[in-house]
Amino acid sequence: MQTLDLALLSDILPGGALQKMSAFGALTDSFIENLLEGGELLKLTAGETLYHQGERADCFYVVLRGHLAIYQDSDAGREIIHTTGEGESVGFSAMLAMRPRLLSGEATSECIVLKVSSQALAKLQELDNQQFGIFFINLSRDMSRFLSYCILRPPAEGTSPGVGPTQPTEI
């Protein structure tokens, strides 16, 4: 994983691309600029892991370019839960809940993400409470879409919908 200079972002994404992404929708240019300056721009290569199941969640990420496979490892093997699109946030619910990550995230191709720490998020609220509210709604929508996808996706072989491997039940 490589940290990129924020000045390179204009070479990576066309002008106005961020405003079209779900995490940044309806935000002012100045708020997005503050968000970027408070975050960390990371570049991953295909197959590189962004975060691991069980890790402490003190940040979340927004996928700016590329895709992440969100997966869970178990005794039955690796199950890909979701593949992100550009503009999606990941890891927000774990950070918000102050719980270890339940899933892992791995780049499926070259990927550029914005890492936002919980401290950077708190500073954004102090900076502009109204814009922070819009940003929080955007992140909550991403989280809700992900949860809906998890609930509605067909279960993997040997599992029940919405849970891990099936367990024998006693009668």
N, C-alpha and C. Protein backbone atom coordinates (compact mmCIF):
# COMPACT_ATOMS: atom_id res chain seq x y z
N MET A 1 0.86 -1.16 0.00
CA MET A 1 0.00 0.00 0.00
C MET A 1 0.90 1.23 0.00
N GLN A 2 0.56 2.15 -0.86
CA GLN A 2 1.38 3.35 -1.03
C GLN A 2 0.55 4.58 -0.70
N THR A 3 1.13 5.50 0.06
CA THR A 3 0.48 6.78 0.33
C THR A 3 0.78 7.72 -0.83
N LEU A 4 -0.27 8.36 -1.36
CA LEU A 4 -0.12 9.27 -2.49
C LEU A 4 -0.25 10.72 -2.03
N ASP A 5 0.44 11.58 -2.75
CA ASP A 5 0.31 13.02 -2.52
C ASP A 5 -1.06 13.46 -3.03
N LEU A 6 -1.75 14.22 -2.24
CA LEU A 6 -3.09 14.70 -2.60
C LEU A 6 -3.10 15.48 -3.91
N ALA A 7 -1.98 16.11 -4.24
CA ALA A 7 -1.88 16.89 -5.48
C ALA A 7 -2.04 16.00 -6.71
N LEU A 8 -1.81 14.69 -6.57
CA LEU A 8 -1.95 13.76 -7.70
C LEU A 8 -3.41 13.43 -8.02
N LEU A 9 -4.31 13.76 -7.11
CA LEU A 9 -5.71 13.38 -7.30
C LEU A 9 -6.30 13.94 -8.58
N SER A 10 -5.92 15.15 -8.95
CA SER A 10 -6.46 15.75 -10.18
C SER A 10 -5.97 15.00 -11.42
N ASP A 11 -4.84 14.30 -11.33
CA ASP A 11 -4.36 13.48 -12.43
C ASP A 11 -5.07 12.13 -12.48
N ILE A 12 -5.57 11.69 -11.33
CA ILE A 12 -6.21 10.38 -11.22
C ILE A 12 -7.69 10.44 -11.59
N LEU A 13 -8.37 11.49 -11.14
CA LEU A 13 -9.81 11.62 -11.38
C LEU A 13 -10.11 12.87 -12.18
N PRO A 14 -11.06 12.78 -13.11
CA PRO A 14 -11.44 13.99 -13.85
C PRO A 14 -12.15 14.99 -12.93
N GLY A 15 -12.10 16.25 -13.30
CA GLY A 15 -12.77 17.31 -12.53
C GLY A 15 -14.24 16.99 -12.32
N GLY A 16 -14.72 17.21 -11.13
CA GLY A 16 -16.13 16.98 -10.82
C GLY A 16 -16.48 15.54 -10.52
N ALA A 17 -15.52 14.62 -10.60
CA ALA A 17 -15.82 13.19 -10.38
C ALA A 17 -16.24 12.91 -8.94
N LEU A 18 -15.62 13.58 -8.00
CA LEU A 18 -15.94 13.31 -6.59
C LEU A 18 -17.40 13.66 -6.27
N GLN A 19 -17.87 14.78 -6.79
CA GLN A 19 -19.24 15.21 -6.51
C GLN A 19 -20.28 14.22 -7.04
N LYS A 20 -19.90 13.38 -7.99
CA LYS A 20 -20.83 12.39 -8.55
C LYS A 20 -20.82 11.09 -7.76
N MET A 21 -19.91 10.96 -6.80
CA MET A 21 -19.80 9.73 -6.01
C MET A 21 -20.75 9.79 -4.82
N SER A 22 -21.31 8.63 -4.45
CA SER A 22 -22.34 8.59 -3.40
C SER A 22 -21.87 9.19 -2.08
N ALA A 23 -20.63 8.97 -1.69
CA ALA A 23 -20.15 9.49 -0.41
C ALA A 23 -20.06 11.01 -0.39
N PHE A 24 -19.89 11.63 -1.56
CA PHE A 24 -19.67 13.07 -1.62
C PHE A 24 -20.85 13.86 -2.18
N GLY A 25 -21.95 13.19 -2.47
CA GLY A 25 -23.11 13.85 -3.06
C GLY A 25 -23.61 15.02 -2.23
N ALA A 26 -23.94 16.13 -2.88
CA ALA A 26 -24.52 17.34 -2.28
C ALA A 26 -23.57 18.08 -1.34
N LEU A 27 -22.29 17.73 -1.33
CA LEU A 27 -21.32 18.44 -0.49
C LEU A 27 -20.69 19.58 -1.26
N THR A 28 -20.34 20.64 -0.55
CA THR A 28 -19.68 21.78 -1.19
C THR A 28 -18.24 21.42 -1.53
N ASP A 29 -17.70 22.12 -2.51
CA ASP A 29 -16.30 21.90 -2.90
C ASP A 29 -15.37 22.13 -1.72
N SER A 30 -15.65 23.16 -0.92
CA SER A 30 -14.75 23.46 0.21
C SER A 30 -14.79 22.36 1.27
N PHE A 31 -15.97 21.77 1.50
CA PHE A 31 -16.05 20.68 2.47
C PHE A 31 -15.29 19.46 1.96
N ILE A 32 -15.46 19.15 0.67
CA ILE A 32 -14.74 18.02 0.08
C ILE A 32 -13.23 18.26 0.17
N GLU A 33 -12.81 19.48 -0.08
CA GLU A 33 -11.39 19.82 0.01
C GLU A 33 -10.87 19.59 1.43
N ASN A 34 -11.64 20.01 2.43
CA ASN A 34 -11.25 19.78 3.83
C ASN A 34 -11.23 18.30 4.17
N LEU A 35 -12.17 17.56 3.64
CA LEU A 35 -12.22 16.12 3.84
C LEU A 35 -10.97 15.45 3.27
N LEU A 36 -10.62 15.83 2.05
CA LEU A 36 -9.43 15.27 1.41
C LEU A 36 -8.16 15.63 2.18
N GLU A 37 -8.06 16.88 2.61
CA GLU A 37 -6.87 17.33 3.34
C GLU A 37 -6.74 16.63 4.69
N GLY A 38 -7.85 16.28 5.31
CA GLY A 38 -7.81 15.59 6.59
C GLY A 38 -7.64 14.09 6.47
N GLY A 39 -7.80 13.58 5.25
CA GLY A 39 -7.68 12.14 5.02
C GLY A 39 -6.31 11.76 4.49
N GLU A 40 -6.21 10.52 4.10
CA GLU A 40 -4.97 9.99 3.54
C GLU A 40 -5.31 9.25 2.26
N LEU A 41 -4.65 9.61 1.17
CA LEU A 41 -4.88 8.99 -0.13
C LEU A 41 -3.97 7.77 -0.26
N LEU A 42 -4.57 6.59 -0.50
CA LEU A 42 -3.82 5.35 -0.56
C LEU A 42 -4.01 4.66 -1.90
N LYS A 43 -2.94 4.05 -2.40
CA LYS A 43 -3.00 3.28 -3.64
C LYS A 43 -2.69 1.82 -3.31
N LEU A 44 -3.57 0.93 -3.76
CA LEU A 44 -3.37 -0.50 -3.56
C LEU A 44 -3.22 -1.17 -4.91
N THR A 45 -2.46 -2.24 -4.95
CA THR A 45 -2.34 -3.06 -6.15
C THR A 45 -3.35 -4.20 -6.05
N ALA A 46 -3.64 -4.83 -7.17
CA ALA A 46 -4.57 -5.96 -7.18
C ALA A 46 -4.10 -7.02 -6.19
N GLY A 47 -5.03 -7.50 -5.37
CA GLY A 47 -4.72 -8.54 -4.40
C GLY A 47 -4.22 -8.02 -3.06
N GLU A 48 -3.99 -6.72 -2.96
CA GLU A 48 -3.50 -6.15 -1.71
C GLU A 48 -4.67 -5.92 -0.75
N THR A 49 -4.46 -6.27 0.51
CA THR A 49 -5.50 -6.15 1.52
C THR A 49 -5.48 -4.76 2.14
N LEU A 50 -6.64 -4.13 2.17
CA LEU A 50 -6.78 -2.80 2.78
C LEU A 50 -6.97 -2.92 4.29
N TYR A 51 -7.81 -3.85 4.72
CA TYR A 51 -8.03 -4.08 6.15
C TYR A 51 -8.43 -5.53 6.35
N HIS A 52 -8.20 -6.02 7.57
CA HIS A 52 -8.45 -7.42 7.91
C HIS A 52 -9.57 -7.55 8.93
N GLN A 53 -10.30 -8.63 8.78
CA GLN A 53 -11.32 -9.03 9.75
C GLN A 53 -10.66 -9.10 11.13
N GLY A 54 -11.31 -8.53 12.14
CA GLY A 54 -10.79 -8.58 13.50
C GLY A 54 -9.95 -7.37 13.90
N GLU A 55 -9.53 -6.56 12.93
CA GLU A 55 -8.74 -5.37 13.24
C GLU A 55 -9.59 -4.32 13.94
N ARG A 56 -8.92 -3.49 14.72
CA ARG A 56 -9.56 -2.34 15.34
C ARG A 56 -9.98 -1.38 14.23
N ALA A 57 -11.19 -0.86 14.32
CA ALA A 57 -11.73 0.03 13.28
C ALA A 57 -11.69 1.47 13.77
N ASP A 58 -10.60 2.17 13.47
CA ASP A 58 -10.48 3.57 13.87
C ASP A 58 -10.56 4.51 12.67
N CYS A 59 -11.00 3.96 11.53
CA CYS A 59 -11.13 4.75 10.31
C CYS A 59 -12.10 4.05 9.37
N PHE A 60 -12.46 4.76 8.30
CA PHE A 60 -13.21 4.15 7.21
C PHE A 60 -12.58 4.62 5.91
N TYR A 61 -13.03 4.09 4.80
CA TYR A 61 -12.43 4.38 3.50
C TYR A 61 -13.52 4.71 2.49
N VAL A 62 -13.15 5.54 1.52
CA VAL A 62 -14.01 5.80 0.37
C VAL A 62 -13.22 5.37 -0.86
N VAL A 63 -13.82 4.50 -1.66
CA VAL A 63 -13.16 4.01 -2.88
C VAL A 63 -13.30 5.09 -3.95
N LEU A 64 -12.18 5.64 -4.39
CA LEU A 64 -12.20 6.70 -5.40
C LEU A 64 -12.00 6.14 -6.81
N ARG A 65 -11.21 5.09 -6.92
CA ARG A 65 -11.00 4.44 -8.21
C ARG A 65 -10.72 2.96 -7.96
N GLY A 66 -11.27 2.12 -8.82
CA GLY A 66 -11.08 0.69 -8.67
C GLY A 66 -12.19 0.06 -7.84
N HIS A 67 -11.93 -1.15 -7.38
CA HIS A 67 -12.94 -1.92 -6.65
C HIS A 67 -12.28 -2.71 -5.53
N LEU A 68 -13.03 -2.91 -4.47
CA LEU A 68 -12.59 -3.75 -3.35
C LEU A 68 -13.53 -4.93 -3.24
N ALA A 69 -12.97 -6.11 -3.00
CA ALA A 69 -13.78 -7.27 -2.65
C ALA A 69 -13.88 -7.27 -1.13
N ILE A 70 -15.09 -7.23 -0.62
CA ILE A 70 -15.34 -7.30 0.81
C ILE A 70 -15.67 -8.76 1.11
N TYR A 71 -14.88 -9.37 1.98
CA TYR A 71 -15.02 -10.81 2.18
C TYR A 71 -14.89 -11.19 3.65
N GLN A 72 -15.29 -12.45 3.90
CA GLN A 72 -15.18 -13.02 5.23
C GLN A 72 -14.50 -14.37 5.11
N ASP A 73 -13.48 -14.59 5.92
CA ASP A 73 -12.82 -15.89 5.97
C ASP A 73 -13.45 -16.70 7.10
N SER A 74 -13.66 -17.98 6.82
CA SER A 74 -14.20 -18.88 7.84
C SER A 74 -13.58 -20.26 7.60
N ASP A 75 -13.97 -21.21 8.41
CA ASP A 75 -13.48 -22.59 8.23
C ASP A 75 -13.90 -23.14 6.87
N ALA A 76 -15.00 -22.63 6.34
CA ALA A 76 -15.50 -23.09 5.04
C ALA A 76 -14.76 -22.44 3.88
N GLY A 77 -13.92 -21.44 4.16
CA GLY A 77 -13.18 -20.75 3.10
C GLY A 77 -13.53 -19.27 3.05
N ARG A 78 -13.11 -18.64 1.97
CA ARG A 78 -13.35 -17.21 1.78
C ARG A 78 -14.66 -17.01 1.04
N GLU A 79 -15.51 -16.16 1.61
CA GLU A 79 -16.77 -15.82 0.96
C GLU A 79 -16.76 -14.33 0.64
N ILE A 80 -16.84 -14.00 -0.65
CA ILE A 80 -16.94 -12.60 -1.04
C ILE A 80 -18.37 -12.15 -0.81
N ILE A 81 -18.51 -11.14 0.02
CA ILE A 81 -19.82 -10.63 0.41
C ILE A 81 -20.30 -9.58 -0.58
N HIS A 82 -19.36 -8.75 -1.05
CA HIS A 82 -19.73 -7.62 -1.91
C HIS A 82 -18.48 -7.11 -2.62
N THR A 83 -18.66 -6.60 -3.81
CA THR A 83 -17.59 -5.89 -4.51
C THR A 83 -18.02 -4.44 -4.64
N THR A 84 -17.20 -3.54 -4.12
CA THR A 84 -17.57 -2.13 -4.08
C THR A 84 -17.51 -1.50 -5.46
N GLY A 85 -18.21 -0.39 -5.58
CA GLY A 85 -18.09 0.47 -6.74
C GLY A 85 -17.35 1.73 -6.35
N GLU A 86 -16.99 2.51 -7.33
CA GLU A 86 -16.30 3.77 -7.06
C GLU A 86 -17.25 4.72 -6.34
N GLY A 87 -16.74 5.39 -5.33
CA GLY A 87 -17.54 6.32 -4.54
C GLY A 87 -18.17 5.72 -3.31
N GLU A 88 -18.12 4.40 -3.17
CA GLU A 88 -18.69 3.75 -1.98
C GLU A 88 -17.76 3.88 -0.79
N SER A 89 -18.36 4.01 0.38
CA SER A 89 -17.58 3.99 1.61
C SER A 89 -17.62 2.59 2.19
N VAL A 90 -16.54 2.21 2.85
CA VAL A 90 -16.46 0.89 3.50
C VAL A 90 -15.83 1.06 4.88
N GLY A 91 -16.27 0.25 5.81
CA GLY A 91 -15.71 0.26 7.15
C GLY A 91 -16.31 1.29 8.09
N PHE A 92 -17.29 2.04 7.61
CA PHE A 92 -17.89 3.09 8.42
C PHE A 92 -18.65 2.51 9.62
N SER A 93 -19.41 1.45 9.39
CA SER A 93 -20.22 0.90 10.49
C SER A 93 -19.35 0.35 11.62
N ALA A 94 -18.24 -0.30 11.29
CA ALA A 94 -17.34 -0.82 12.33
C ALA A 94 -16.72 0.33 13.13
N MET A 95 -16.31 1.40 12.43
CA MET A 95 -15.73 2.55 13.11
C MET A 95 -16.77 3.20 14.02
N LEU A 96 -17.97 3.37 13.51
CA LEU A 96 -19.05 4.00 14.26
C LEU A 96 -19.40 3.19 15.51
N ALA A 97 -19.42 1.87 15.37
CA ALA A 97 -19.77 0.99 16.48
C ALA A 97 -18.61 0.77 17.45
N MET A 98 -17.42 1.23 17.07
CA MET A 98 -16.21 1.01 17.87
C MET A 98 -16.01 -0.47 18.16
N ARG A 99 -16.18 -1.27 17.10
CA ARG A 99 -16.05 -2.72 17.18
C ARG A 99 -14.97 -3.18 16.20
N PRO A 100 -14.39 -4.34 16.44
CA PRO A 100 -13.44 -4.88 15.45
C PRO A 100 -14.15 -5.13 14.12
N ARG A 101 -13.40 -5.07 13.07
CA ARG A 101 -13.97 -5.28 11.73
C ARG A 101 -14.47 -6.72 11.60
N LEU A 102 -15.67 -6.87 11.04
CA LEU A 102 -16.26 -8.19 10.83
C LEU A 102 -15.83 -8.79 9.50
N LEU A 103 -15.36 -7.94 8.59
CA LEU A 103 -15.02 -8.38 7.24
C LEU A 103 -13.64 -7.84 6.87
N SER A 104 -13.10 -8.34 5.76
CA SER A 104 -11.84 -7.85 5.22
C SER A 104 -12.10 -7.21 3.87
N GLY A 105 -11.19 -6.35 3.44
CA GLY A 105 -11.31 -5.69 2.14
C GLY A 105 -10.02 -5.83 1.36
N GLU A 106 -10.13 -6.25 0.10
CA GLU A 106 -8.97 -6.48 -0.76
C GLU A 106 -9.21 -5.87 -2.13
N ALA A 107 -8.20 -5.21 -2.67
CA ALA A 107 -8.31 -4.61 -4.00
C ALA A 107 -8.41 -5.70 -5.06
N THR A 108 -9.38 -5.57 -5.96
CA THR A 108 -9.52 -6.53 -7.06
C THR A 108 -8.72 -6.08 -8.28
N SER A 109 -8.31 -4.83 -8.28
CA SER A 109 -7.47 -4.24 -9.34
C SER A 109 -6.75 -3.07 -8.67
N GLU A 110 -5.97 -2.32 -9.44
CA GLU A 110 -5.38 -1.13 -8.84
C GLU A 110 -6.51 -0.28 -8.26
N CYS A 111 -6.31 0.21 -7.08
CA CYS A 111 -7.39 0.88 -6.35
C CYS A 111 -6.84 2.10 -5.63
N ILE A 112 -7.59 3.19 -5.67
CA ILE A 112 -7.25 4.41 -4.94
C ILE A 112 -8.37 4.64 -3.93
N VAL A 113 -8.00 4.77 -2.65
CA VAL A 113 -8.99 4.99 -1.60
C VAL A 113 -8.60 6.20 -0.76
N LEU A 114 -9.59 6.82 -0.17
CA LEU A 114 -9.37 7.88 0.80
C LEU A 114 -9.63 7.29 2.18
N LYS A 115 -8.62 7.33 3.03
CA LYS A 115 -8.74 6.87 4.41
C LYS A 115 -9.13 8.06 5.28
N VAL A 116 -10.21 7.90 6.05
CA VAL A 116 -10.69 8.97 6.93
C VAL A 116 -10.70 8.42 8.36
N SER A 117 -9.87 9.00 9.21
CA SER A 117 -9.81 8.56 10.61
C SER A 117 -10.99 9.12 11.39
N SER A 118 -11.25 8.52 12.54
CA SER A 118 -12.34 9.02 13.39
C SER A 118 -12.03 10.44 13.86
N GLN A 119 -10.74 10.76 14.06
CA GLN A 119 -10.36 12.11 14.47
C GLN A 119 -10.63 13.11 13.35
N ALA A 120 -10.31 12.73 12.11
CA ALA A 120 -10.56 13.62 10.97
C ALA A 120 -12.06 13.85 10.80
N LEU A 121 -12.85 12.80 11.03
CA LEU A 121 -14.31 12.93 10.93
C LEU A 121 -14.83 13.91 11.98
N ALA A 122 -14.33 13.83 13.20
CA ALA A 122 -14.75 14.74 14.26
C ALA A 122 -14.39 16.19 13.93
N LYS A 123 -13.23 16.41 13.32
CA LYS A 123 -12.83 17.76 12.94
C LYS A 123 -13.75 18.34 11.87
N LEU A 124 -14.25 17.47 10.98
CA LEU A 124 -15.19 17.93 9.95
C LEU A 124 -16.48 18.44 10.57
N GLN A 125 -16.92 17.79 11.64
CA GLN A 125 -18.14 18.25 12.31
C GLN A 125 -17.92 19.63 12.92
N GLU A 126 -16.75 19.84 13.52
CA GLU A 126 -16.43 21.15 14.10
C GLU A 126 -16.34 22.22 13.03
N LEU A 127 -15.86 21.85 11.86
CA LEU A 127 -15.65 22.79 10.77
C LEU A 127 -16.96 23.30 10.18
N ASP A 128 -17.89 22.38 9.89
CA ASP A 128 -19.15 22.76 9.24
C ASP A 128 -20.21 21.71 9.58
N ASN A 129 -20.98 21.98 10.60
CA ASN A 129 -21.95 21.01 11.10
C ASN A 129 -23.01 20.64 10.06
N GLN A 130 -23.44 21.60 9.26
CA GLN A 130 -24.46 21.31 8.25
C GLN A 130 -23.92 20.38 7.17
N GLN A 131 -22.74 20.67 6.64
CA GLN A 131 -22.14 19.81 5.63
C GLN A 131 -21.79 18.44 6.21
N PHE A 132 -21.36 18.44 7.47
CA PHE A 132 -21.08 17.18 8.15
C PHE A 132 -22.34 16.31 8.19
N GLY A 133 -23.48 16.93 8.47
CA GLY A 133 -24.74 16.20 8.50
C GLY A 133 -25.05 15.55 7.16
N ILE A 134 -24.82 16.28 6.08
CA ILE A 134 -25.04 15.72 4.74
C ILE A 134 -24.08 14.56 4.49
N PHE A 135 -22.81 14.74 4.86
CA PHE A 135 -21.82 13.69 4.68
C PHE A 135 -22.21 12.45 5.49
N PHE A 136 -22.66 12.66 6.72
CA PHE A 136 -23.07 11.54 7.57
C PHE A 136 -24.25 10.79 6.95
N ILE A 137 -25.19 11.52 6.38
CA ILE A 137 -26.32 10.88 5.70
C ILE A 137 -25.81 10.06 4.51
N ASN A 138 -24.89 10.62 3.73
CA ASN A 138 -24.32 9.88 2.59
C ASN A 138 -23.67 8.57 3.04
N LEU A 139 -22.88 8.65 4.11
CA LEU A 139 -22.22 7.45 4.63
C LEU A 139 -23.24 6.45 5.17
N SER A 140 -24.27 6.96 5.82
CA SER A 140 -25.33 6.09 6.35
C SER A 140 -26.07 5.39 5.22
N ARG A 141 -26.29 6.09 4.11
CA ARG A 141 -26.94 5.47 2.95
C ARG A 141 -26.07 4.34 2.41
N ASP A 142 -24.77 4.59 2.27
CA ASP A 142 -23.87 3.53 1.81
C ASP A 142 -23.94 2.32 2.75
N MET A 143 -23.93 2.58 4.04
CA MET A 143 -23.99 1.51 5.03
C MET A 143 -25.31 0.75 4.90
N SER A 144 -26.40 1.46 4.73
CA SER A 144 -27.71 0.83 4.59
C SER A 144 -27.80 -0.01 3.33
N ARG A 145 -27.25 0.51 2.24
CA ARG A 145 -27.24 -0.26 0.98
C ARG A 145 -26.45 -1.55 1.14
N PHE A 146 -25.30 -1.45 1.81
CA PHE A 146 -24.48 -2.63 2.03
C PHE A 146 -25.22 -3.65 2.89
N LEU A 147 -25.84 -3.20 3.97
CA LEU A 147 -26.59 -4.11 4.83
C LEU A 147 -27.75 -4.76 4.08
N SER A 148 -28.45 -3.98 3.27
CA SER A 148 -29.54 -4.53 2.46
C SER A 148 -29.02 -5.58 1.50
N TYR A 149 -27.89 -5.28 0.87
CA TYR A 149 -27.29 -6.24 -0.05
C TYR A 149 -26.95 -7.54 0.69
N CYS A 150 -26.38 -7.43 1.87
CA CYS A 150 -26.01 -8.62 2.64
C CYS A 150 -27.23 -9.46 3.00
N ILE A 151 -28.30 -8.80 3.38
CA ILE A 151 -29.51 -9.52 3.78
C ILE A 151 -30.19 -10.17 2.59
N LEU A 152 -30.19 -9.49 1.44
CA LEU A 152 -30.92 -9.97 0.27
C LEU A 152 -30.12 -10.89 -0.63
N ARG A 153 -28.81 -10.97 -0.45
CA ARG A 153 -28.00 -11.81 -1.34
C ARG A 153 -28.30 -13.28 -1.10
N PRO A 154 -28.18 -14.09 -2.14
CA PRO A 154 -28.41 -15.52 -1.96
C PRO A 154 -27.36 -16.10 -1.01
N PRO A 155 -27.75 -17.01 -0.15
CA PRO A 155 -26.78 -17.58 0.77
C PRO A 155 -25.76 -18.46 0.04
N ALA A 156 -24.55 -18.47 0.56
CA ALA A 156 -23.52 -19.36 0.02
C ALA A 156 -23.89 -20.78 0.41
N GLU A 157 -23.36 -21.73 -0.32
CA GLU A 157 -23.64 -23.13 -0.04
C GLU A 157 -23.24 -23.46 1.39
N GLY A 158 -24.12 -24.12 2.12
CA GLY A 158 -23.83 -24.51 3.49
C GLY A 158 -24.08 -23.43 4.52
N THR A 159 -24.75 -22.33 4.11
CA THR A 159 -25.04 -21.26 5.06
C THR A 159 -26.51 -20.92 5.01
N SER A 160 -26.94 -20.19 6.01
CA SER A 160 -28.29 -19.65 6.04
C SER A 160 -28.21 -18.17 5.69
N PRO A 161 -29.27 -17.58 5.14
CA PRO A 161 -29.23 -16.16 4.79
C PRO A 161 -28.88 -15.29 5.99
N GLY A 162 -27.93 -14.37 5.78
CA GLY A 162 -27.60 -13.38 6.78
C GLY A 162 -26.75 -13.87 7.94
N VAL A 163 -26.38 -15.14 7.96
CA VAL A 163 -25.53 -15.66 9.03
C VAL A 163 -24.41 -16.48 8.44
N GLY A 164 -23.54 -16.94 9.27
CA GLY A 164 -22.41 -17.75 8.81
C GLY A 164 -22.82 -19.18 8.55
N PRO A 165 -21.87 -20.11 8.63
CA PRO A 165 -22.17 -21.51 8.36
C PRO A 165 -23.31 -22.01 9.24
N THR A 166 -24.13 -22.88 8.68
CA THR A 166 -25.27 -23.38 9.43
C THR A 166 -24.79 -24.24 10.59
N GLN A 167 -25.50 -24.16 11.67
CA GLN A 167 -25.18 -24.93 12.87
C GLN A 167 -26.30 -25.94 13.09
N PRO A 168 -25.95 -27.13 13.56
CA PRO A 168 -27.02 -28.09 13.87
C PRO A 168 -27.91 -27.52 14.98
N THR A 169 -29.16 -27.80 14.90
CA THR A 169 -30.08 -27.33 15.93
C THR A 169 -30.59 -28.51 16.73
N GLU A 170 -30.85 -28.27 17.99
CA GLU A 170 -31.39 -29.31 18.84
C GLU A 170 -32.90 -29.17 18.87
N ILE A 171 -33.57 -30.30 18.90
CA ILE A 171 -35.04 -30.28 18.96
C ILE A 171 -35.48 -30.67 20.34
